[in-house]
C-alpha atoms as a PDB file:
ATOM      1  CA  MET A   1       7.414  30.487 -24.559  1.00  0.00           C
ATOM      2  CA  PRO A   2      10.805  30.796 -26.157  1.00  0.00           C
ATOM      3  CA  TYR A   3      13.766  32.012 -24.367  1.00  0.00           C
ATOM      4  CA  THR A   4      17.452  32.551 -25.476  1.00  0.00           C
ATOM      5  CA  VAL A   5      20.404  30.458 -23.493  1.00  0.00           C
ATOM      6  CA  HIS A   6      21.240  33.838 -21.792  1.00  0.00           C
ATOM      7  CA  GLN A   7      17.760  34.575 -20.851  1.00  0.00           C
ATOM      8  CA  ALA A   8      17.480  30.732 -19.616  1.00  0.00           C
ATOM      9  CA  LYS A   9      20.380  31.363 -17.197  1.00  0.00           C
ATOM     10  CA  THR A  10      19.627  34.839 -15.916  1.00  0.00           C
ATOM     11  CA  ASN A  11      16.032  33.434 -14.952  1.00  0.00           C
ATOM     12  CA  PHE A  12      16.373  30.132 -14.522  1.00  0.00           C
ATOM     13  CA  SER A  13      14.515  29.784 -11.269  1.00  0.00           C
ATOM     14  CA  ARG A  14      11.523  31.683 -12.755  1.00  0.00           C
ATOM     15  CA  LEU A  15      11.572  29.068 -15.870  1.00  0.00           C
ATOM     16  CA  ILE A  16      11.487  26.528 -13.508  1.00  0.00           C
ATOM     17  CA  LYS A  17       8.203  28.097 -11.759  1.00  0.00           C
ATOM     18  CA  GLU A  18       6.446  28.226 -15.082  1.00  0.00           C
ATOM     19  CA  ALA A  19       7.268  24.637 -16.008  1.00  0.00           C
ATOM     20  CA  GLU A  20       5.929  23.830 -12.542  1.00  0.00           C
ATOM     21  CA  ALA A  21       2.955  25.726 -13.640  1.00  0.00           C
ATOM     22  CA  GLY A  22       2.154  23.814 -16.502  1.00  0.00           C
ATOM     23  CA  LYS A  23       3.982  25.366 -18.757  1.00  0.00           C
ATOM     24  CA  GLU A  24       6.434  24.407 -21.668  1.00  0.00           C
ATOM     25  CA  VAL A  25       9.436  26.528 -21.635  1.00  0.00           C
ATOM     26  CA  ILE A  26      11.338  26.284 -25.089  1.00  0.00           C
ATOM     27  CA  VAL A  27      15.393  27.358 -24.993  1.00  0.00           C
ATOM     28  CA  MET A  28      16.740  28.847 -28.142  1.00  0.00           C
ATOM     29  CA  ARG A  29      20.085  29.075 -29.503  1.00  0.00           C
ATOM     30  CA  GLY A  30      19.585  31.833 -31.906  1.00  0.00           C
ATOM     31  CA  LYS A  31      16.344  31.150 -33.935  1.00  0.00           C
ATOM     32  CA  LYS A  32      16.964  27.072 -33.422  1.00  0.00           C
ATOM     33  CA  PRO A  33      15.348  25.260 -30.287  1.00  0.00           C
ATOM     34  CA  VAL A  34      17.431  23.466 -28.095  1.00  0.00           C
ATOM     35  CA  ALA A  35      16.186  22.192 -25.267  1.00  0.00           C
ATOM     36  CA  LYS A  36      12.502  22.106 -23.549  1.00  0.00           C
ATOM     37  CA  ILE A  37      11.934  22.573 -19.614  1.00  0.00           C
ATOM     38  CA  THR A  38       8.702  20.818 -18.544  1.00  0.00           C
ATOM     39  CA  ALA A  39       7.666  19.413 -15.073  1.00  0.00           C
ATOM     40  CA  ILE A  40       7.922  15.869 -14.272  1.00  0.00           C
ATOM     41  CA  GLN A  41       4.819  14.334 -13.577  1.00  0.00           C
ATOM     42  CA  PRO A  42       4.904  12.320 -10.604  1.00  0.00           C
ATOM     43  CA  PRO A  43       4.831   8.690 -10.751  1.00  0.00           C
ATOM     44  CA  PRO A  44       1.764   6.483 -10.395  1.00  0.00           C
ATOM     45  CA  LYS A  45       1.372   5.024  -6.762  1.00  0.00           C
ATOM     46  CA  PRO A  46       1.673   1.486  -7.208  1.00  0.00           C
ATOM     47  CA  ASN A  47      -1.477  -0.472  -6.695  1.00  0.00           C
ATOM     48  CA  VAL A  48      -0.859  -2.333  -3.218  1.00  0.00           C
ATOM     49  CA  PRO A  49      -3.692  -4.153  -1.387  1.00  0.00           C
ATOM     50  CA  PHE A  50      -4.806  -2.883   1.613  1.00  0.00           C
ATOM     51  CA  ARG A  51      -4.490  -5.494   4.178  1.00  0.00           C
ATOM     52  CA  LEU A  52      -4.585  -3.899   7.471  1.00  0.00           C
ATOM     53  CA  MET A  53      -7.524  -4.537  10.234  1.00  0.00           C
ATOM     54  CA  GLY A  54     -10.325  -2.580   8.870  1.00  0.00           C
ATOM     55  CA  GLY A  55      -8.888  -2.797   5.717  1.00  0.00           C
ATOM     56  CA  TYR A  56     -12.165  -4.492   4.446  1.00  0.00           C
ATOM     57  CA  PRO A  57     -15.451  -2.597   5.706  1.00  0.00           C
ATOM     58  CA  ASP A  58     -17.856  -5.570   4.731  1.00  0.00           C
ATOM     59  CA  ILE A  59     -16.457  -8.079   6.590  1.00  0.00           C
ATOM     60  CA  SER A  60     -17.479  -8.441  10.393  1.00  0.00           C
ATOM     61  CA  TRP A  61     -18.022 -10.929  12.985  1.00  0.00           C
ATOM     62  CA  THR A  62     -20.360 -11.530  16.197  1.00  0.00           C
ATOM     63  CA  PRO A  63     -18.793 -11.790  19.570  1.00  0.00           C
ATOM     64  CA  ASP A  64     -18.900 -15.240  19.587  1.00  0.00           C
ATOM     65  CA  ALA A  65     -16.660 -15.873  16.494  1.00  0.00           C
ATOM     66  CA  PHE A  66     -13.819 -17.260  18.320  1.00  0.00           C
ATOM     67  CA  ASP A  67     -15.466 -19.488  21.173  1.00  0.00           C
ATOM     68  CA  PRO A  68     -14.808 -22.956  20.707  1.00  0.00           C
ATOM     69  CA  LEU A  69     -17.484 -25.159  18.473  1.00  0.00           C
ATOM     70  CA  THR A  70     -20.177 -27.577  19.752  1.00  0.00           C
ATOM     71  CA  ASP A  71     -20.334 -30.983  18.571  1.00  0.00           C
ATOM     72  CA  GLU A  72     -23.005 -30.207  16.605  1.00  0.00           C
ATOM     73  CA  GLU A  73     -21.178 -27.193  14.698  1.00  0.00           C
ATOM     74  CA  LEU A  74     -18.534 -29.515  14.527  1.00  0.00           C
ATOM     75  CA  LYS A  75     -20.750 -32.411  12.497  1.00  0.00           C
ATOM     76  CA  GLU A  76     -21.967 -29.702  10.606  1.00  0.00           C
ATOM     77  CA  MET A  77     -18.917 -28.673   9.320  1.00  0.00           C
ATOM     78  CA  GLY A  78     -17.777 -32.433   8.773  1.00  0.00           C
ATOM     79  CA  PHE A  79     -15.451 -32.431  11.295  1.00  0.00           C
ATOM     80  CA  ASP A  80     -17.422 -35.171  12.911  1.00  0.00           C
ATOM     81  CA  TYR A  81     -14.303 -37.366  13.410  1.00  0.00           C
ATOM     82  CA  LEU A  82     -13.448 -34.765  16.229  1.00  0.00           C
ATOM     83  CA  VAL A  83     -16.369 -35.183  18.484  1.00  0.00           C
ATOM     84  CA  ASP A  84     -15.444 -38.405  20.347  1.00  0.00           C
ATOM     85  CA  VAL A  85     -11.709 -37.920  20.505  1.00  0.00           C
ATOM     86  CA  PRO A  86     -10.218 -38.275  23.995  1.00  0.00           C
ATOM     87  CA  LEU A  87      -8.453 -34.762  25.034  1.00  0.00           C
ATOM     88  CA  THR A  88      -4.733 -35.250  25.579  1.00  0.00           C
ATOM     89  CA  PRO A  89      -3.841 -34.481  29.364  1.00  0.00           C
ATOM     90  CA  MET A  90      -1.643 -32.178  30.395  1.00  0.00           C
ATOM     91  CA  PRO A  91       1.927 -33.062  30.971  1.00  0.00           C
ATOM     92  CA  GLU A  92       3.383 -33.437  34.555  1.00  0.00           C
ATOM     93  CA  LYS A  93       5.791 -30.735  35.699  1.00  0.00           C
ATOM     94  CA  PRO A  94       9.235 -32.931  35.989  1.00  0.00           C
ATOM     95  CA  ALA A  95      10.153 -33.512  39.711  1.00  0.00           C
ATOM     96  CA  SER A  96      12.876 -30.661  39.131  1.00  0.00           C
ATOM     97  CA  GLU A  97      10.321 -27.853  38.479  1.00  0.00           C
ATOM     98  CA  LYS A  98       8.214 -28.937  41.300  1.00  0.00           C
END
């Protein structure tokens, strides 16, 4: 709907509400349109992948998922070179800490 500059200045808050409601407000100087008031569209939300725990509902695991692997499981996965490796003993505490 067209308004004169004087009407636009007098009723600016109402014109803003009209623009927010989706109407296009035209400001005229005499018979010449000089400005258009429209609502600004909010920017689109960025497409950020959701990577927090629980963000992938189709992925689950069993309670033993983090248990150490057995020798048979190591061999099945191709880690058979780890089966007969001697464990490294825990280092002894220095005499100053005993």
